[in-house]
Amino acid sequence: MRTRPDVITTLPLPSGSVRVDEYGYITEPELWSPEFAEHTASAEGVTLSPEHFEIIAFMRKWNDEHGIMPDVRFVLNHISKRDGVDKSGAKDRLFALFPYGYVKQACKIAGMKQPRAWSTG
C-alpha cells in the first residue's frame, strides 16, 4: 500500500481543507485538526471518546518530538503505564478503541501519513 500521487482528494472541513490519499490518510499531517479526526473516525465507524483523543494526543506529540510516527510498541507501553496493565492488556485496550488496528484506524485518525509496509504487532 503506497500513496499514488494521482489519487489525492481534497476534503473540505470547517477548520480548512486537507488532502487525503486514496485510503483516507492525510497527506500533510501538519494540517490535522480535531474535525479531521472526527470525520475520519466516523468514516471508520469509530465514535471518538476522550480516551481516543488521549491516545491521539500521545501519538501526535511523539511524532512532533521524534519526527516519525510512533511504532505501536510505544503506544502499547504508554497504555501499559497509564492503566497499569501488561502488554496483552494494553493491546486489548488499543483494539477496543481501534478495532481494525493501529495503522488502519489509529494512525489514520491521528493524522499520520500512510506508513510503508511494516509490522504493527
PDB file of N, CA and C in Angstrom:
ATOM      1  N   MET A   1       0.829  -1.174   0.000  1.00  0.00           N
ATOM      2  CA  MET A   1       0.000   0.000   0.000  1.00  0.00           C
ATOM      3  C   MET A   1       0.878   1.244   0.000  1.00  0.00           C
ATOM      4  N   ARG A   2       0.873   1.945  -1.051  1.00  0.00           N
ATOM      5  CA  ARG A   2       1.575   3.218  -1.123  1.00  0.00           C
ATOM      6  C   ARG A   2       0.646   4.238  -1.737  1.00  0.00           C
ATOM      7  N   THR A   3       0.838   5.484  -1.318  1.00  0.00           N
ATOM      8  CA  THR A   3       0.020   6.550  -1.854  1.00  0.00           C
ATOM      9  C   THR A   3       0.395   6.805  -3.305  1.00  0.00           C
ATOM     10  N   ARG A   4      -0.616   6.870  -4.153  1.00  0.00           N
ATOM     11  CA  ARG A   4      -0.381   7.221  -5.553  1.00  0.00           C
ATOM     12  C   ARG A   4      -0.682   8.710  -5.694  1.00  0.00           C
ATOM     13  N   PRO A   5       0.277   9.491  -6.187  1.00  0.00           N
ATOM     14  CA  PRO A   5       0.079  10.939  -6.261  1.00  0.00           C
ATOM     15  C   PRO A   5      -1.074  11.371  -7.156  1.00  0.00           C
ATOM     16  N   ASP A   6      -1.518  10.496  -8.037  1.00  0.00           N
ATOM     17  CA  ASP A   6      -2.614  10.852  -8.933  1.00  0.00           C
ATOM     18  C   ASP A   6      -3.993  10.582  -8.316  1.00  0.00           C
ATOM     19  N   VAL A   7      -4.015  10.034  -7.092  1.00  0.00           N
ATOM     20  CA  VAL A   7      -5.285   9.712  -6.445  1.00  0.00           C
ATOM     21  C   VAL A   7      -5.354  10.454  -5.097  1.00  0.00           C
ATOM     22  N   ILE A   8      -5.305  11.763  -5.158  1.00  0.00           N
ATOM     23  CA  ILE A   8      -5.395  12.618  -3.978  1.00  0.00           C
ATOM     24  C   ILE A   8      -6.720  13.378  -4.057  1.00  0.00           C
ATOM     25  N   THR A   9      -7.425  13.448  -2.930  1.00  0.00           N
ATOM     26  CA  THR A   9      -8.714  14.121  -2.860  1.00  0.00           C
ATOM     27  C   THR A   9      -8.633  15.252  -1.842  1.00  0.00           C
ATOM     28  N   THR A  10      -9.325  16.351  -2.124  1.00  0.00           N
ATOM     29  CA  THR A  10      -9.416  17.441  -1.165  1.00  0.00           C
ATOM     30  C   THR A  10     -10.673  17.243  -0.333  1.00  0.00           C
ATOM     31  N   LEU A  11     -10.497  17.283   0.970  1.00  0.00           N
ATOM     32  CA  LEU A  11     -11.578  17.078   1.911  1.00  0.00           C
ATOM     33  C   LEU A  11     -11.887  18.419   2.586  1.00  0.00           C
ATOM     34  N   PRO A  12     -13.042  19.021   2.305  1.00  0.00           N
ATOM     35  CA  PRO A  12     -13.371  20.295   2.949  1.00  0.00           C
ATOM     36  C   PRO A  12     -13.865  20.076   4.380  1.00  0.00           C
ATOM     37  N   LEU A  13     -13.272  20.790   5.321  1.00  0.00           N
ATOM     38  CA  LEU A  13     -13.662  20.710   6.729  1.00  0.00           C
ATOM     39  C   LEU A  13     -13.872  22.119   7.272  1.00  0.00           C
ATOM     40  N   PRO A  14     -14.604  22.282   8.355  1.00  0.00           N
ATOM     41  CA  PRO A  14     -14.803  23.621   8.928  1.00  0.00           C
ATOM     42  C   PRO A  14     -13.487  24.330   9.268  1.00  0.00           C
ATOM     43  N   SER A  15     -12.468  23.560   9.661  1.00  0.00           N
ATOM     44  CA  SER A  15     -11.181  24.154  10.037  1.00  0.00           C
ATOM     45  C   SER A  15     -10.274  24.402   8.834  1.00  0.00           C
ATOM     46  N   GLY A  16     -10.708  23.998   7.645  1.00  0.00           N
ATOM     47  CA  GLY A  16      -9.920  24.170   6.424  1.00  0.00           C
ATOM     48  C   GLY A  16      -9.797  22.864   5.672  1.00  0.00           C
ATOM     49  N   SER A  17      -9.566  22.972   4.399  1.00  0.00           N
ATOM     50  CA  SER A  17      -9.458  21.773   3.561  1.00  0.00           C
ATOM     51  C   SER A  17      -8.135  21.057   3.791  1.00  0.00           C
ATOM     52  N   VAL A  18      -8.200  19.744   3.692  1.00  0.00           N
ATOM     53  CA  VAL A  18      -6.997  18.906   3.746  1.00  0.00           C
ATOM     54  C   VAL A  18      -7.043  17.948   2.581  1.00  0.00           C
ATOM     55  N   ARG A  19      -5.876  17.475   2.208  1.00  0.00           N
ATOM     56  CA  ARG A  19      -5.798  16.487   1.132  1.00  0.00           C
ATOM     57  C   ARG A  19      -5.555  15.120   1.738  1.00  0.00           C
ATOM     58  N   VAL A  20      -6.247  14.125   1.173  1.00  0.00           N
ATOM     59  CA  VAL A  20      -6.098  12.752   1.633  1.00  0.00           C
ATOM     60  C   VAL A  20      -5.785  11.850   0.444  1.00  0.00           C
ATOM     61  N   ASP A  21      -5.093  10.758   0.742  1.00  0.00           N
ATOM     62  CA  ASP A  21      -4.784   9.801  -0.317  1.00  0.00           C
ATOM     63  C   ASP A  21      -5.986   8.895  -0.559  1.00  0.00           C
ATOM     64  N   GLU A  22      -5.823   7.948  -1.440  1.00  0.00           N
ATOM     65  CA  GLU A  22      -6.944   7.089  -1.823  1.00  0.00           C
ATOM     66  C   GLU A  22      -7.463   6.217  -0.685  1.00  0.00           C
ATOM     67  N   TYR A  23      -6.696   6.082   0.381  1.00  0.00           N
ATOM     68  CA  TYR A  23      -7.124   5.281   1.520  1.00  0.00           C
ATOM     69  C   TYR A  23      -7.618   6.150   2.683  1.00  0.00           C
ATOM     70  N   GLY A  24      -7.615   7.467   2.506  1.00  0.00           N
ATOM     71  CA  GLY A  24      -8.116   8.381   3.525  1.00  0.00           C
ATOM     72  C   GLY A  24      -7.078   8.913   4.489  1.00  0.00           C
ATOM     73  N   TYR A  25      -5.790   8.603   4.259  1.00  0.00           N
ATOM     74  CA  TYR A  25      -4.725   9.136   5.112  1.00  0.00           C
ATOM     75  C   TYR A  25      -4.403  10.562   4.678  1.00  0.00           C
ATOM     76  N   ILE A  26      -4.206  11.433   5.651  1.00  0.00           N
ATOM     77  CA  ILE A  26      -3.871  12.818   5.366  1.00  0.00           C
ATOM     78  C   ILE A  26      -2.496  12.880   4.692  1.00  0.00           C
ATOM     79  N   THR A  27      -2.327  13.777   3.750  1.00  0.00           N
ATOM     80  CA  THR A  27      -1.038  13.885   3.060  1.00  0.00           C
ATOM     81  C   THR A  27      -0.138  14.944   3.680  1.00  0.00           C
ATOM     82  N   GLU A  28      -0.727  15.839   4.466  1.00  0.00           N
ATOM     83  CA  GLU A  28       0.036  16.883   5.150  1.00  0.00           C
ATOM     84  C   GLU A  28      -0.355  16.872   6.629  1.00  0.00           C
ATOM     85  N   PRO A  29       0.325  16.051   7.436  1.00  0.00           N
ATOM     86  CA  PRO A  29      -0.071  15.881   8.833  1.00  0.00           C
ATOM     87  C   PRO A  29      -0.145  17.177   9.640  1.00  0.00           C
ATOM     88  N   GLU A  30       0.604  18.180   9.243  1.00  0.00           N
ATOM     89  CA  GLU A  30       0.561  19.447   9.981  1.00  0.00           C
ATOM     90  C   GLU A  30      -0.788  20.151   9.851  1.00  0.00           C
ATOM     91  N   LEU A  31      -1.627  19.730   8.890  1.00  0.00           N
ATOM     92  CA  LEU A  31      -2.957  20.309   8.715  1.00  0.00           C
ATOM     93  C   LEU A  31      -4.037  19.534   9.473  1.00  0.00           C
ATOM     94  N   TRP A  32      -3.632  18.543  10.256  1.00  0.00           N
ATOM     95  CA  TRP A  32      -4.576  17.751  11.044  1.00  0.00           C
ATOM     96  C   TRP A  32      -5.349  18.658  11.985  1.00  0.00           C
ATOM     97  N   SER A  33      -6.585  18.312  12.243  1.00  0.00           N
ATOM     98  CA  SER A  33      -7.425  19.027  13.199  1.00  0.00           C
ATOM     99  C   SER A  33      -8.358  18.022  13.870  1.00  0.00           C
ATOM    100  N   PRO A  34      -8.936  18.399  15.006  1.00  0.00           N
ATOM    101  CA  PRO A  34      -9.933  17.507  15.616  1.00  0.00           C
ATOM    102  C   PRO A  34     -11.101  17.221  14.673  1.00  0.00           C
ATOM    103  N   GLU A  35     -11.440  18.183  13.806  1.00  0.00           N
ATOM    104  CA  GLU A  35     -12.515  17.949  12.833  1.00  0.00           C
ATOM    105  C   GLU A  35     -12.124  16.840  11.854  1.00  0.00           C
ATOM    106  N   PHE A  36     -10.841  16.815  11.456  1.00  0.00           N
ATOM    107  CA  PHE A  36     -10.366  15.734  10.594  1.00  0.00           C
ATOM    108  C   PHE A  36     -10.506  14.400  11.330  1.00  0.00           C
ATOM    109  N   ALA A  37     -10.117  14.376  12.604  1.00  0.00           N
ATOM    110  CA  ALA A  37     -10.220  13.146  13.392  1.00  0.00           C
ATOM    111  C   ALA A  37     -11.670  12.675  13.466  1.00  0.00           C
ATOM    112  N   GLU A  38     -12.580  13.591  13.746  1.00  0.00           N
ATOM    113  CA  GLU A  38     -14.000  13.228  13.840  1.00  0.00           C
ATOM    114  C   GLU A  38     -14.521  12.700  12.502  1.00  0.00           C
ATOM    115  N   HIS A  39     -14.173  13.377  11.419  1.00  0.00           N
ATOM    116  CA  HIS A  39     -14.621  12.952  10.087  1.00  0.00           C
ATOM    117  C   HIS A  39     -14.081  11.560   9.754  1.00  0.00           C
ATOM    118  N   THR A  40     -12.797  11.372   9.967  1.00  0.00           N
ATOM    119  CA  THR A  40     -12.155  10.103   9.627  1.00  0.00           C
ATOM    120  C   THR A  40     -12.661   8.975  10.528  1.00  0.00           C
ATOM    121  N   ALA A  41     -12.828   9.259  11.802  1.00  0.00           N
ATOM    122  CA  ALA A  41     -13.347   8.246  12.723  1.00  0.00           C
ATOM    123  C   ALA A  41     -14.747   7.824  12.310  1.00  0.00           C
ATOM    124  N   SER A  42     -15.580   8.791  11.951  1.00  0.00           N
ATOM    125  CA  SER A  42     -16.934   8.477  11.512  1.00  0.00           C
ATOM    126  C   SER A  42     -16.912   7.557  10.297  1.00  0.00           C
ATOM    127  N   ALA A  43     -16.032   7.862   9.343  1.00  0.00           N
ATOM    128  CA  ALA A  43     -15.900   7.022   8.140  1.00  0.00           C
ATOM    129  C   ALA A  43     -15.419   5.614   8.488  1.00  0.00           C
ATOM    130  N   GLU A  44     -14.670   5.486   9.585  1.00  0.00           N
ATOM    131  CA  GLU A  44     -14.156   4.187  10.034  1.00  0.00           C
ATOM    132  C   GLU A  44     -15.113   3.473  10.989  1.00  0.00           C
ATOM    133  N   GLY A  45     -16.227   4.131  11.331  1.00  0.00           N
ATOM    134  CA  GLY A  45     -17.180   3.519  12.247  1.00  0.00           C
ATOM    135  C   GLY A  45     -16.771   3.607  13.702  1.00  0.00           C
ATOM    136  N   VAL A  46     -15.940   4.590  14.033  1.00  0.00           N
ATOM    137  CA  VAL A  46     -15.460   4.775  15.401  1.00  0.00           C
ATOM    138  C   VAL A  46     -16.066   6.055  15.962  1.00  0.00           C
ATOM    139  N   THR A  47     -16.629   5.964  17.162  1.00  0.00           N
ATOM    140  CA  THR A  47     -17.117   7.148  17.864  1.00  0.00           C
ATOM    141  C   THR A  47     -16.032   7.557  18.853  1.00  0.00           C
ATOM    142  N   LEU A  48     -15.451   8.729  18.633  1.00  0.00           N
ATOM    143  CA  LEU A  48     -14.322   9.154  19.455  1.00  0.00           C
ATOM    144  C   LEU A  48     -14.753   9.560  20.858  1.00  0.00           C
ATOM    145  N   SER A  49     -13.950   9.140  21.821  1.00  0.00           N
ATOM    146  CA  SER A  49     -14.157   9.457  23.233  1.00  0.00           C
ATOM    147  C   SER A  49     -12.932  10.222  23.731  1.00  0.00           C
ATOM    148  N   PRO A  50     -12.978  10.736  24.945  1.00  0.00           N
ATOM    149  CA  PRO A  50     -11.775  11.370  25.498  1.00  0.00           C
ATOM    150  C   PRO A  50     -10.570  10.427  25.503  1.00  0.00           C
ATOM    151  N   GLU A  51     -10.794   9.142  25.709  1.00  0.00           N
ATOM    152  CA  GLU A  51      -9.670   8.190  25.696  1.00  0.00           C
ATOM    153  C   GLU A  51      -9.053   8.081  24.301  1.00  0.00           C
ATOM    154  N   HIS A  52      -9.878   8.079  23.262  1.00  0.00           N
ATOM    155  CA  HIS A  52      -9.340   8.093  21.900  1.00  0.00           C
ATOM    156  C   HIS A  52      -8.445   9.317  21.710  1.00  0.00           C
ATOM    157  N   PHE A  53      -8.969  10.477  22.111  1.00  0.00           N
ATOM    158  CA  PHE A  53      -8.205  11.713  21.922  1.00  0.00           C
ATOM    159  C   PHE A  53      -6.925  11.730  22.750  1.00  0.00           C
ATOM    160  N   GLU A  54      -6.916  11.051  23.901  1.00  0.00           N
ATOM    161  CA  GLU A  54      -5.693  10.966  24.706  1.00  0.00           C
ATOM    162  C   GLU A  54      -4.633  10.155  23.958  1.00  0.00           C
ATOM    163  N   ILE A  55      -5.035   9.047  23.354  1.00  0.00           N
ATOM    164  CA  ILE A  55      -4.095   8.233  22.563  1.00  0.00           C
ATOM    165  C   ILE A  55      -3.621   9.022  21.345  1.00  0.00           C
ATOM    166  N   ILE A  56      -4.540   9.700  20.685  1.00  0.00           N
ATOM    167  CA  ILE A  56      -4.182  10.525  19.518  1.00  0.00           C
ATOM    168  C   ILE A  56      -3.186  11.607  19.921  1.00  0.00           C
ATOM    169  N   ALA A  57      -3.419  12.253  21.056  1.00  0.00           N
ATOM    170  CA  ALA A  57      -2.504  13.301  21.533  1.00  0.00           C
ATOM    171  C   ALA A  57      -1.113  12.724  21.793  1.00  0.00           C
ATOM    172  N   PHE A  58      -1.052  11.518  22.393  1.00  0.00           N
ATOM    173  CA  PHE A  58       0.242  10.866  22.619  1.00  0.00           C
ATOM    174  C   PHE A  58       0.954  10.624  21.292  1.00  0.00           C
ATOM    175  N   MET A  59       0.224  10.096  20.319  1.00  0.00           N
ATOM    176  CA  MET A  59       0.811   9.788  19.012  1.00  0.00           C
ATOM    177  C   MET A  59       1.321  11.056  18.318  1.00  0.00           C
ATOM    178  N   ARG A  60       0.530  12.105  18.360  1.00  0.00           N
ATOM    179  CA  ARG A  60       0.904  13.353  17.695  1.00  0.00           C
ATOM    180  C   ARG A  60       2.102  14.007  18.385  1.00  0.00           C
ATOM    181  N   LYS A  61       2.128  13.942  19.717  1.00  0.00           N
ATOM    182  CA  LYS A  61       3.268  14.506  20.455  1.00  0.00           C
ATOM    183  C   LYS A  61       4.536  13.728  20.110  1.00  0.00           C
ATOM    184  N   TRP A  62       4.432  12.407  20.076  1.00  0.00           N
ATOM    185  CA  TRP A  62       5.581  11.560  19.728  1.00  0.00           C
ATOM    186  C   TRP A  62       6.088  11.937  18.330  1.00  0.00           C
ATOM    187  N   ASN A  63       5.160  12.072  17.396  1.00  0.00           N
ATOM    188  CA  ASN A  63       5.515  12.426  16.025  1.00  0.00           C
ATOM    189  C   ASN A  63       6.225  13.787  15.990  1.00  0.00           C
ATOM    190  N   ASP A  64       5.719  14.753  16.739  1.00  0.00           N
ATOM    191  CA  ASP A  64       6.343  16.081  16.781  1.00  0.00           C
ATOM    192  C   ASP A  64       7.740  16.031  17.388  1.00  0.00           C
ATOM    193  N   GLU A  65       7.914  15.253  18.447  1.00  0.00           N
ATOM    194  CA  GLU A  65       9.194  15.179  19.146  1.00  0.00           C
ATOM    195  C   GLU A  65      10.246  14.360  18.412  1.00  0.00           C
ATOM    196  N   HIS A  66       9.814  13.320  17.701  1.00  0.00           N
ATOM    197  CA  HIS A  66      10.766  12.388  17.084  1.00  0.00           C
ATOM    198  C   HIS A  66      10.813  12.474  15.558  1.00  0.00           C
ATOM    199  N   GLY A  67       9.872  13.204  14.973  1.00  0.00           N
ATOM    200  CA  GLY A  67       9.860  13.344  13.523  1.00  0.00           C
ATOM    201  C   GLY A  67       9.401  12.102  12.780  1.00  0.00           C
ATOM    202  N   ILE A  68       8.805  11.185  13.498  1.00  0.00           N
ATOM    203  CA  ILE A  68       8.318   9.942  12.901  1.00  0.00           C
ATOM    204  C   ILE A  68       7.139   9.460  13.749  1.00  0.00           C
ATOM    205  N   MET A  69       6.183   8.842  13.105  1.00  0.00           N
ATOM    206  CA  MET A  69       5.048   8.338  13.865  1.00  0.00           C
ATOM    207  C   MET A  69       5.504   7.215  14.789  1.00  0.00           C
ATOM    208  N   PRO A  70       4.881   7.093  15.954  1.00  0.00           N
ATOM    209  CA  PRO A  70       5.314   6.059  16.884  1.00  0.00           C
ATOM    210  C   PRO A  70       4.920   4.668  16.411  1.00  0.00           C
ATOM    211  N   ASP A  71       5.824   3.745  16.586  1.00  0.00           N
ATOM    212  CA  ASP A  71       5.510   2.341  16.357  1.00  0.00           C
ATOM    213  C   ASP A  71       4.508   1.925  17.431  1.00  0.00           C
ATOM    214  N   VAL A  72       3.711   0.944  17.137  1.00  0.00           N
ATOM    215  CA  VAL A  72       2.665   0.512  18.065  1.00  0.00           C
ATOM    216  C   VAL A  72       3.238   0.148  19.433  1.00  0.00           C
ATOM    217  N   ARG A  73       4.453  -0.336  19.497  1.00  0.00           N
ATOM    218  CA  ARG A  73       5.015  -0.745  20.796  1.00  0.00           C
ATOM    219  C   ARG A  73       5.114   0.428  21.765  1.00  0.00           C
ATOM    220  N   PHE A  74       5.351   1.643  21.243  1.00  0.00           N
ATOM    221  CA  PHE A  74       5.432   2.813  22.112  1.00  0.00           C
ATOM    222  C   PHE A  74       4.046   3.198  22.632  1.00  0.00           C
ATOM    223  N   VAL A  75       3.043   3.031  21.800  1.00  0.00           N
ATOM    224  CA  VAL A  75       1.671   3.311  22.226  1.00  0.00           C
ATOM    225  C   VAL A  75       1.234   2.268  23.258  1.00  0.00           C
ATOM    226  N   LEU A  76       1.579   1.014  23.027  1.00  0.00           N
ATOM    227  CA  LEU A  76       1.248  -0.036  23.997  1.00  0.00           C
ATOM    228  C   LEU A  76       1.951   0.214  25.327  1.00  0.00           C
ATOM    229  N   ASN A  77       3.197   0.652  25.287  1.00  0.00           N
ATOM    230  CA  ASN A  77       3.928   0.971  26.508  1.00  0.00           C
ATOM    231  C   ASN A  77       3.248   2.121  27.256  1.00  0.00           C
ATOM    232  N   HIS A  78       2.811   3.114  26.513  1.00  0.00           N
ATOM    233  CA  HIS A  78       2.096   4.252  27.108  1.00  0.00           C
ATOM    234  C   HIS A  78       0.820   3.775  27.802  1.00  0.00           C
ATOM    235  N   ILE A  79       0.042   2.947  27.118  1.00  0.00           N
ATOM    236  CA  ILE A  79      -1.201   2.429  27.699  1.00  0.00           C
ATOM    237  C   ILE A  79      -0.898   1.564  28.921  1.00  0.00           C
ATOM    238  N   SER A  80       0.151   0.726  28.837  1.00  0.00           N
ATOM    239  CA  SER A  80       0.528  -0.131  29.967  1.00  0.00           C
ATOM    240  C   SER A  80       0.820   0.689  31.210  1.00  0.00           C
ATOM    241  N   LYS A  81       1.614   1.742  31.034  1.00  0.00           N
ATOM    242  CA  LYS A  81       1.963   2.599  32.174  1.00  0.00           C
ATOM    243  C   LYS A  81       0.737   3.364  32.680  1.00  0.00           C
ATOM    244  N   ARG A  82      -0.052   3.881  31.760  1.00  0.00           N
ATOM    245  CA  ARG A  82      -1.228   4.670  32.132  1.00  0.00           C
ATOM    246  C   ARG A  82      -2.244   3.830  32.911  1.00  0.00           C
ATOM    247  N   ASP A  83      -2.486   2.613  32.424  1.00  0.00           N
ATOM    248  CA  ASP A  83      -3.544   1.780  33.002  1.00  0.00           C
ATOM    249  C   ASP A  83      -3.048   0.716  33.977  1.00  0.00           C
ATOM    250  N   GLY A  84      -1.732   0.565  34.104  1.00  0.00           N
ATOM    251  CA  GLY A  84      -1.195  -0.455  34.995  1.00  0.00           C
ATOM    252  C   GLY A  84      -1.486  -1.866  34.532  1.00  0.00           C
ATOM    253  N   VAL A  85      -1.408  -2.078  33.209  1.00  0.00           N
ATOM    254  CA  VAL A  85      -1.664  -3.406  32.652  1.00  0.00           C
ATOM    255  C   VAL A  85      -0.427  -3.902  31.906  1.00  0.00           C
ATOM    256  N   ASP A  86      -0.394  -5.204  31.621  1.00  0.00           N
ATOM    257  CA  ASP A  86       0.721  -5.754  30.851  1.00  0.00           C
ATOM    258  C   ASP A  86       0.499  -5.487  29.360  1.00  0.00           C
ATOM    259  N   LYS A  87       1.444  -5.942  28.542  1.00  0.00           N
ATOM    260  CA  LYS A  87       1.370  -5.682  27.098  1.00  0.00           C
ATOM    261  C   LYS A  87       0.084  -6.246  26.498  1.00  0.00           C
ATOM    262  N   SER A  88      -0.308  -7.425  26.931  1.00  0.00           N
ATOM    263  CA  SER A  88      -1.525  -8.043  26.403  1.00  0.00           C
ATOM    264  C   SER A  88      -2.751  -7.210  26.755  1.00  0.00           C
ATOM    265  N   GLY A  89      -2.800  -6.726  27.990  1.00  0.00           N
ATOM    266  CA  GLY A  89      -3.910  -5.875  28.404  1.00  0.00           C
ATOM    267  C   GLY A  89      -3.934  -4.567  27.636  1.00  0.00           C
ATOM    268  N   ALA A  90      -2.746  -4.016  27.379  1.00  0.00           N
ATOM    269  CA  ALA A  90      -2.654  -2.772  26.611  1.00  0.00           C
ATOM    270  C   ALA A  90      -3.116  -2.996  25.173  1.00  0.00           C
ATOM    271  N   LYS A  91      -2.740  -4.128  24.613  1.00  0.00           N
ATOM    272  CA  LYS A  91      -3.151  -4.446  23.243  1.00  0.00           C
ATOM    273  C   LYS A  91      -4.666  -4.613  23.164  1.00  0.00           C
ATOM    274  N   ASP A  92      -5.232  -5.280  24.155  1.00  0.00           N
ATOM    275  CA  ASP A  92      -6.696  -5.427  24.204  1.00  0.00           C
ATOM    276  C   ASP A  92      -7.367  -4.058  24.267  1.00  0.00           C
ATOM    277  N   ARG A  93      -6.807  -3.160  25.077  1.00  0.00           N
ATOM    278  CA  ARG A  93      -7.391  -1.814  25.226  1.00  0.00           C
ATOM    279  C   ARG A  93      -7.298  -1.041  23.920  1.00  0.00           C
ATOM    280  N   LEU A  94      -6.140  -1.126  23.249  1.00  0.00           N
ATOM    281  CA  LEU A  94      -5.952  -0.407  21.983  1.00  0.00           C
ATOM    282  C   LEU A  94      -6.932  -0.916  20.932  1.00  0.00           C
ATOM    283  N   PHE A  95      -7.105  -2.234  20.853  1.00  0.00           N
ATOM    284  CA  PHE A  95      -8.018  -2.793  19.849  1.00  0.00           C
ATOM    285  C   PHE A  95      -9.485  -2.603  20.224  1.00  0.00           C
ATOM    286  N   ALA A  96      -9.768  -2.356  21.501  1.00  0.00           N
ATOM    287  CA  ALA A  96     -11.134  -1.994  21.879  1.00  0.00           C
ATOM    288  C   ALA A  96     -11.453  -0.587  21.362  1.00  0.00           C
ATOM    289  N   LEU A  97     -10.447   0.276  21.364  1.00  0.00           N
ATOM    290  CA  LEU A  97     -10.625   1.644  20.881  1.00  0.00           C
ATOM    291  C   LEU A  97     -10.609   1.713  19.350  1.00  0.00           C
ATOM    292  N   PHE A  98      -9.692   0.976  18.753  1.00  0.00           N
ATOM    293  CA  PHE A  98      -9.499   0.985  17.297  1.00  0.00           C
ATOM    294  C   PHE A  98      -9.575  -0.458  16.800  1.00  0.00           C
ATOM    295  N   PRO A  99     -10.791  -0.991  16.623  1.00  0.00           N
ATOM    296  CA  PRO A  99     -10.968  -2.425  16.349  1.00  0.00           C
ATOM    297  C   PRO A  99     -10.334  -2.936  15.060  1.00  0.00           C
ATOM    298  N   TYR A 100     -10.106  -2.071  14.080  1.00  0.00           N
ATOM    299  CA  TYR A 100      -9.487  -2.546  12.845  1.00  0.00           C
ATOM    300  C   TYR A 100      -7.988  -2.293  12.823  1.00  0.00           C
ATOM    301  N   GLY A 101      -7.425  -1.938  13.971  1.00  0.00           N
ATOM    302  CA  GLY A 101      -5.986  -1.902  14.107  1.00  0.00           C
ATOM    303  C   GLY A 101      -5.347  -0.529  14.188  1.00  0.00           C
ATOM    304  N   TYR A 102      -4.100  -0.588  14.584  1.00  0.00           N
ATOM    305  CA  TYR A 102      -3.311   0.617  14.823  1.00  0.00           C
ATOM    306  C   TYR A 102      -3.116   1.428  13.550  1.00  0.00           C
ATOM    307  N   VAL A 103      -2.629   0.807  12.493  1.00  0.00           N
ATOM    308  CA  VAL A 103      -2.369   1.536  11.245  1.00  0.00           C
ATOM    309  C   VAL A 103      -3.666   1.904  10.547  1.00  0.00           C
ATOM    310  N   LYS A 104      -4.582   0.969  10.432  1.00  0.00           N
ATOM    311  CA  LYS A 104      -5.818   1.191   9.688  1.00  0.00           C
ATOM    312  C   LYS A 104      -6.679   2.286  10.309  1.00  0.00           C
ATOM    313  N   GLN A 105      -6.705   2.379  11.623  1.00  0.00           N
ATOM    314  CA  GLN A 105      -7.584   3.362  12.248  1.00  0.00           C
ATOM    315  C   GLN A 105      -6.842   4.388  13.098  1.00  0.00           C
ATOM    316  N   ALA A 106      -6.047   3.959  14.057  1.00  0.00           N
ATOM    317  CA  ALA A 106      -5.421   4.922  14.971  1.00  0.00           C
ATOM    318  C   ALA A 106      -4.527   5.901  14.216  1.00  0.00           C
ATOM    319  N   CYS A 107      -3.663   5.401  13.367  1.00  0.00           N
ATOM    320  CA  CYS A 107      -2.751   6.290  12.627  1.00  0.00           C
ATOM    321  C   CYS A 107      -3.511   7.204  11.678  1.00  0.00           C
ATOM    322  N   LYS A 108      -4.490   6.660  11.016  1.00  0.00           N
ATOM    323  CA  LYS A 108      -5.275   7.462  10.068  1.00  0.00           C
ATOM    324  C   LYS A 108      -6.022   8.579  10.796  1.00  0.00           C
ATOM    325  N   ILE A 109      -6.698   8.246  11.873  1.00  0.00           N
ATOM    326  CA  ILE A 109      -7.479   9.230  12.620  1.00  0.00           C
ATOM    327  C   ILE A 109      -6.575  10.276  13.265  1.00  0.00           C
ATOM    328  N   ALA A 110      -5.391   9.860  13.704  1.00  0.00           N
ATOM    329  CA  ALA A 110      -4.443  10.774  14.347  1.00  0.00           C
ATOM    330  C   ALA A 110      -3.724  11.683  13.344  1.00  0.00           C
ATOM    331  N   GLY A 111      -3.989  11.484  12.068  1.00  0.00           N
ATOM    332  CA  GLY A 111      -3.394  12.365  11.061  1.00  0.00           C
ATOM    333  C   GLY A 111      -1.974  12.017  10.679  1.00  0.00           C
ATOM    334  N   MET A 112      -1.621  10.738  10.758  1.00  0.00           N
ATOM    335  CA  MET A 112      -0.307  10.293  10.316  1.00  0.00           C
ATOM    336  C   MET A 112      -0.380   9.957   8.836  1.00  0.00           C
ATOM    337  N   LYS A 113       0.721  10.157   8.131  1.00  0.00           N
ATOM    338  CA  LYS A 113       0.760   9.720   6.739  1.00  0.00           C
ATOM    339  C   LYS A 113       0.645   8.205   6.708  1.00  0.00           C
ATOM    340  N   GLN A 114       0.185   7.702   5.586  1.00  0.00           N
ATOM    341  CA  GLN A 114       0.097   6.250   5.442  1.00  0.00           C
ATOM    342  C   GLN A 114       1.491   5.667   5.532  1.00  0.00           C
ATOM    343  N   PRO A 115       1.715   4.746   6.483  1.00  0.00           N
ATOM    344  CA  PRO A 115       3.044   4.166   6.620  1.00  0.00           C
ATOM    345  C   PRO A 115       3.362   3.173   5.517  1.00  0.00           C
ATOM    346  N   ARG A 116       4.619   3.005   5.287  1.00  0.00           N
ATOM    347  CA  ARG A 116       5.027   1.941   4.370  1.00  0.00           C
ATOM    348  C   ARG A 116       4.766   0.619   5.079  1.00  0.00           C
ATOM    349  N   ALA A 117       4.899  -0.446   4.357  1.00  0.00           N
ATOM    350  CA  ALA A 117       4.619  -1.760   4.939  1.00  0.00           C
ATOM    351  C   ALA A 117       5.616  -2.061   6.055  1.00  0.00           C
ATOM    352  N   TRP A 118       5.117  -2.118   7.265  1.00  0.00           N
ATOM    353  CA  TRP A 118       5.894  -2.588   8.406  1.00  0.00           C
ATOM    354  C   TRP A 118       4.958  -3.188   9.415  1.00  0.00           C
ATOM    355  N   SER A 119       5.487  -4.096  10.193  1.00  0.00           N
ATOM    356  CA  SER A 119       4.660  -4.805  11.177  1.00  0.00           C
ATOM    357  C   SER A 119       4.211  -3.858  12.267  1.00  0.00           C
ATOM    358  N   THR A 120       2.967  -4.020  12.704  1.00  0.00           N
ATOM    359  CA  THR A 120       2.462  -3.188  13.791  1.00  0.00           C
ATOM    360  C   THR A 120       2.128  -4.017  15.025  1.00  0.00           C
ATOM    361  N   GLY A 121       2.637  -5.227  15.075  1.00  0.00           N
ATOM    362  CA  GLY A 121       2.435  -6.056  16.270  1.00  0.00           C
ATOM    363  C   GLY A 121       1.071  -6.477  16.415  1.00  0.00           C
TER     364      GLY A 121
END
